[in-house]
Each structure stands twice: as C-alpha cells, then as structure tokens.
C-alpha cells in the first residue's frame, strides 16, 4: 500500500540529530524544512500489514515465526492476535541519500535525520489507523515493537520480511542483515481484548536504553 506523507515533524528530525531542547539556529531549521519538503515530494512510502492469530507456543499461525526476547513476549502476553508491519520510504530515498553524500557530509547528516523521522511518521500513522480500527471491534493495540529494540534480536527483521513477502514493496534484507532501502522498519504489534498499558515512547521505553549505541539524546 502506498502511503501519502504530508508532514515530517521537525521535532522528531531534531531528535535524530541529538537535539537536547536547546535553541536551534534559524538557518539549520530552514535546511531541515527544505530537506523535509524534498523527502515528501520525492519519496513514495509503502506499507505492508498482515494480521495473524497467535498460537499457544508463541508462533504466528501459518508461519514458523515466533518473536524472541522477554520484552516482546511480555508485551504480547495478553494477546491472541498480532499484526506484522513492514514499511519503507522506497528506492528513491536511497538515491537521495547517495546524492547528498556526494555533495557533503553535513547535508547528508541532515537528510538522514529527516528520513529517519519520515519513516517513523509513516509507521506512527499506520499504527494509529490500526488502533482506531480495532476499537470498532472492541479490541486494543499494544505498542509497536521492532527487532533490535529491547532484547528482540535484530536478525528477526529478515524473518518478518520473509513472512510478509516484503519484496512486494521493494524491501529486502542484505546478507549482513541491513534493510534495503535503509529507511525502512519492521515491527510486531499485539491485539488484546482489554486495554493494555503502553510503554514510554522512544528510548525511555527500551530495556537496552543504557547500553544502546543508537540511543537518541532526548531533550
């Protein structure tokens, strides 16, 4: 499914740059806004979502995929169904990054942060659509949990892509485990009959927040 991206939150892009809440120069803000405009105009985000029953042994019905790690298992404990999600900004995002890198490191860093914010926004909006749809069924959605978050192995990215046949939206995983295009996300979300307590957003909700090299500096 193609997703129309209308806005990229400036604050989210700043967080990916390590922003701590201090004043930001006007020129930098304008550069970020310009790159956000380009990402909105030139990329074509795509999303795949599929619903599965959850077997008693933790395996998704009809697959051999079982989420690993205590954190994700704890999140899914009250659930009998799940959604798997894969999302990507598309091949054009890779070309844009490579072109920006050839022009200079500073611009490439800004564009990378804007694209990271963009793919998070795509996922957030898809998650909200699913959440509202489930409410009509009297059901509730857990948080979105991705491989590499907490103690869920990053290697499960490839498993999720295989189950969803993510190549249909142009998303693949290299032999080294890197998603291509790089600005892509895979995740699992639980479906519960009762409301579930949601984790704090971002790094604060992750059990690996004190050791993760990718931790964002929340302001």
Protein backbone atom coordinates (compact mmCIF):
# COMPACT_ATOMS: atom_id res chain seq x y z
CA UNK A 1 0.00 0.00 0.00
CA UNK A 2 1.32 3.44 -0.95
CA UNK A 3 1.16 5.98 1.88
CA UNK A 4 0.93 9.71 1.35
CA UNK A 5 3.31 11.58 3.65
CA UNK A 6 2.06 15.13 4.20
CA UNK A 7 4.28 16.28 7.04
CA UNK A 8 7.50 15.33 8.82
CA UNK A 9 7.60 16.60 12.43
CA UNK A 10 10.52 18.99 12.83
CA UNK A 11 11.00 17.98 16.46
CA UNK A 12 11.39 14.33 15.50
CA UNK A 13 14.08 15.16 12.94
CA UNK A 14 15.91 17.24 15.56
CA UNK A 15 15.85 14.32 17.99
CA UNK A 16 17.58 12.14 15.41
CA UNK A 17 20.27 14.84 15.27
CA UNK A 18 20.81 14.53 19.01
CA UNK A 19 18.89 17.66 19.98
CA UNK A 20 18.57 18.29 23.73
CA UNK A 21 15.99 21.05 23.68
CA UNK A 22 18.40 23.96 23.30
CA UNK A 23 17.70 26.83 20.86
CA UNK A 24 18.29 25.92 17.20
CA UNK A 25 19.74 28.32 14.65
CA UNK A 26 17.23 29.63 12.12
CA UNK A 27 19.44 28.58 9.21
CA UNK A 28 19.56 25.00 10.43
CA UNK A 29 15.80 24.89 10.82
CA UNK A 30 15.37 26.16 7.27
CA UNK A 31 17.77 23.50 5.96
CA UNK A 32 15.78 20.79 7.74
CA UNK A 33 12.48 22.14 6.42
CA UNK A 34 13.84 22.18 2.87
CA UNK A 35 15.02 18.59 3.14
CA UNK A 36 11.68 17.56 4.62
CA UNK A 37 9.93 19.17 1.66
CA UNK A 38 12.12 17.19 -0.74
CA UNK A 39 11.50 13.90 1.08
CA UNK A 40 7.75 14.49 0.98
CA UNK A 41 7.82 15.34 -2.72
CA UNK A 42 10.31 12.75 -3.97
CA UNK A 43 9.75 9.58 -1.93
CA UNK A 44 6.87 7.13 -2.17
CA UNK A 45 6.42 5.38 1.20
CA UNK A 46 4.87 1.93 1.16
CA UNK A 47 3.45 -0.20 3.97
CA UNK A 48 2.55 -3.87 4.36
CA UNK A 49 0.39 -5.05 7.29
CA UNK A 50 -0.93 -8.54 7.96
CA UNK A 51 -2.96 -9.93 10.86
CA UNK A 52 -2.18 -13.31 12.45
CA UNK A 53 -3.56 -15.49 15.21
CA UNK A 54 -1.02 -16.22 17.93
CA UNK A 55 -0.52 -19.87 18.79
CA UNK A 56 -0.05 -21.02 22.38
CA UNK A 57 3.63 -21.72 21.71
CA UNK A 58 4.15 -18.11 20.57
CA UNK A 59 4.28 -18.88 16.86
CA UNK A 60 2.21 -16.88 14.38
CA UNK A 61 -0.45 -19.11 12.86
CA UNK A 62 0.52 -20.45 9.43
CA UNK A 63 4.17 -19.48 9.86
CA UNK A 64 7.29 -20.62 11.66
CA UNK A 65 7.90 -17.12 13.01
CA UNK A 66 7.99 -16.68 16.78
CA UNK A 67 9.01 -13.34 18.35
CA UNK A 68 12.09 -13.80 20.55
CA UNK A 69 13.08 -11.90 23.67
CA UNK A 70 11.47 -11.41 27.06
CA UNK A 71 10.44 -7.82 26.32
CA UNK A 72 8.29 -8.59 23.29
CA UNK A 73 6.89 -11.75 24.86
CA UNK A 74 5.83 -9.74 27.90
CA UNK A 75 4.12 -7.21 25.65
CA UNK A 76 2.25 -9.95 23.79
CA UNK A 77 1.26 -11.92 26.92
CA UNK A 78 -2.40 -10.71 26.93
CA UNK A 79 -2.77 -11.06 23.15
CA UNK A 80 -4.29 -13.76 20.96
CA UNK A 81 -3.61 -11.97 17.68
CA UNK A 82 -0.88 -9.75 16.26
CA UNK A 83 -0.10 -7.50 13.34
CA UNK A 84 3.18 -7.69 11.45
CA UNK A 85 4.23 -4.48 9.74
CA UNK A 86 6.85 -3.55 7.17
CA UNK A 87 7.31 0.00 5.90
CA UNK A 88 9.81 1.74 3.65
CA UNK A 89 10.44 5.15 2.12
CA UNK A 90 11.25 3.40 -1.15
CA UNK A 91 14.20 3.14 -3.52
CA UNK A 92 14.22 6.87 -4.24
CA UNK A 93 15.24 7.52 -0.63
CA UNK A 94 18.45 5.55 -1.22
CA UNK A 95 19.25 7.56 -4.33
CA UNK A 96 18.61 10.81 -2.48
CA UNK A 97 20.95 9.82 0.34
CA UNK A 98 23.72 8.77 -2.03
CA UNK A 99 23.40 12.02 -3.98
CA UNK A 100 23.51 14.09 -0.79
CA UNK A 101 26.55 12.18 0.49
CA UNK A 102 28.40 13.05 -2.71
CA UNK A 103 27.76 16.75 -2.05
CA UNK A 104 28.96 16.83 1.55
CA UNK A 105 28.74 15.20 4.96
CA UNK A 106 26.76 17.96 6.70
CA UNK A 107 23.85 17.86 4.28
CA UNK A 108 23.83 14.06 4.31
CA UNK A 109 23.54 14.00 8.11
CA UNK A 110 20.55 16.34 7.98
CA UNK A 111 18.84 14.37 5.24
CA UNK A 112 19.44 11.10 7.07
CA UNK A 113 17.78 12.53 10.21
CA UNK A 114 14.82 13.86 8.23
CA UNK A 115 14.33 10.47 6.55
CA UNK A 116 14.51 8.68 9.89
CA UNK A 117 11.79 10.99 11.16
CA UNK A 118 9.81 10.38 7.97
CA UNK A 119 9.73 6.59 8.23
CA UNK A 120 8.80 6.84 11.93
CA UNK A 121 5.93 9.14 10.97
CA UNK A 122 4.72 6.65 8.35
CA UNK A 123 4.71 3.89 10.96
CA UNK A 124 3.06 6.06 13.62
CA UNK A 125 0.19 6.94 11.30
CA UNK A 126 -0.31 3.34 10.22
CA UNK A 127 -0.31 2.29 13.87
CA UNK A 128 -2.93 4.91 14.69
CA UNK A 129 -5.16 3.70 11.83
CA UNK A 130 -4.94 0.13 13.15
CA UNK A 131 -5.62 1.30 16.69
CA UNK A 132 -8.80 3.13 15.65
CA UNK A 133 -9.97 0.22 13.50
CA UNK A 134 -9.55 -2.23 16.39
CA UNK A 135 -11.57 -0.01 18.71
CA UNK A 136 -14.54 -0.60 16.40
CA UNK A 137 -14.12 -4.33 17.17
CA UNK A 138 -13.80 -3.67 20.89
CA UNK A 139 -10.13 -4.62 20.77
CA UNK A 140 -6.94 -2.79 21.67
CA UNK A 141 -3.48 -2.43 20.14
CA UNK A 142 -0.22 -2.73 22.04
CA UNK A 143 2.88 -0.69 21.28
CA UNK A 144 4.91 -1.22 18.12
CA UNK A 145 7.94 -3.42 18.78
CA UNK A 146 10.78 -3.76 16.26
CA UNK A 147 13.72 -6.19 16.02
CA UNK A 148 16.75 -4.63 17.68
CA UNK A 149 14.57 -2.90 20.28
CA UNK A 150 15.00 -4.17 23.83
CA UNK A 151 16.17 -7.77 23.69
CA UNK A 152 14.40 -8.73 20.44
CA UNK A 153 17.14 -9.93 18.05
CA UNK A 154 17.81 -7.68 15.08
CA UNK A 155 18.07 -10.84 12.96
CA UNK A 156 14.28 -11.23 13.20
CA UNK A 157 13.97 -8.37 10.71
CA UNK A 158 14.70 -10.89 7.96
CA UNK A 159 12.09 -13.29 9.34
CA UNK A 160 9.38 -10.63 9.37
CA UNK A 161 10.25 -9.61 5.81
CA UNK A 162 10.04 -13.24 4.70
CA UNK A 163 6.62 -13.77 6.30
CA UNK A 164 5.24 -10.57 4.77
CA UNK A 165 6.99 -11.09 1.42
CA UNK A 166 8.26 -7.55 1.84
CA UNK A 167 9.88 -7.57 -1.60
CA UNK A 168 6.38 -6.66 -2.81
CA UNK A 169 7.02 -3.14 -1.53
CA UNK A 170 10.66 -3.14 -2.62
CA UNK A 171 12.05 -4.01 0.82
CA UNK A 172 14.85 -6.56 1.11
CA UNK A 173 17.44 -7.57 3.70
CA UNK A 174 21.11 -7.92 2.76
CA UNK A 175 23.27 -10.88 3.78
CA UNK A 176 24.70 -8.69 6.55
CA UNK A 177 21.18 -8.05 7.89
CA UNK A 178 20.76 -4.47 6.68
CA UNK A 179 17.39 -3.46 5.27
CA UNK A 180 17.42 -2.06 1.74
CA UNK A 181 16.24 0.68 1.42
CA UNK A 182 17.86 1.63 4.72
CA UNK A 183 14.98 3.90 5.71
CA UNK A 184 12.66 1.00 6.43
CA UNK A 185 11.03 -0.51 9.52
CA UNK A 186 9.65 -3.90 10.51
CA UNK A 187 7.58 -4.40 13.65
CA UNK A 188 5.07 -6.50 15.54
CA UNK A 189 2.01 -5.22 17.42
CA UNK A 190 -0.27 -7.22 19.67
CA UNK A 191 -4.09 -7.24 19.60
CA UNK A 192 -5.72 -7.52 23.02
CA UNK A 193 -9.32 -7.88 24.20
CA UNK A 194 -8.61 -5.50 27.10
CA UNK A 195 -6.79 -2.16 27.25
CA UNK A 196 -3.03 -2.55 27.67
CA UNK A 197 -0.56 -0.25 29.36
CA UNK A 198 1.68 1.39 26.79
CA UNK A 199 5.42 1.87 27.28
CA UNK A 200 7.05 5.30 27.34
CA UNK A 201 7.82 6.36 23.77
CA UNK A 202 11.27 6.29 22.21
CA UNK A 203 14.41 5.25 24.06
CA UNK A 204 12.83 5.59 27.52
CA UNK A 205 10.65 2.55 26.92
CA UNK A 206 13.51 0.28 25.86
CA UNK A 207 15.22 -2.12 28.27
CA UNK A 208 18.52 -1.56 26.41
CA UNK A 209 18.45 2.22 26.75
CA UNK A 210 21.55 2.35 28.96
CA UNK A 211 23.75 0.28 26.65
CA UNK A 212 22.44 1.03 23.14
CA UNK A 213 24.88 2.88 20.88
CA UNK A 214 21.95 4.15 18.80
CA UNK A 215 20.21 5.88 21.73
CA UNK A 216 18.83 9.27 20.87
CA UNK A 217 19.52 12.16 23.22
CA UNK A 218 16.03 13.04 24.35
CA UNK A 219 15.59 16.70 25.26
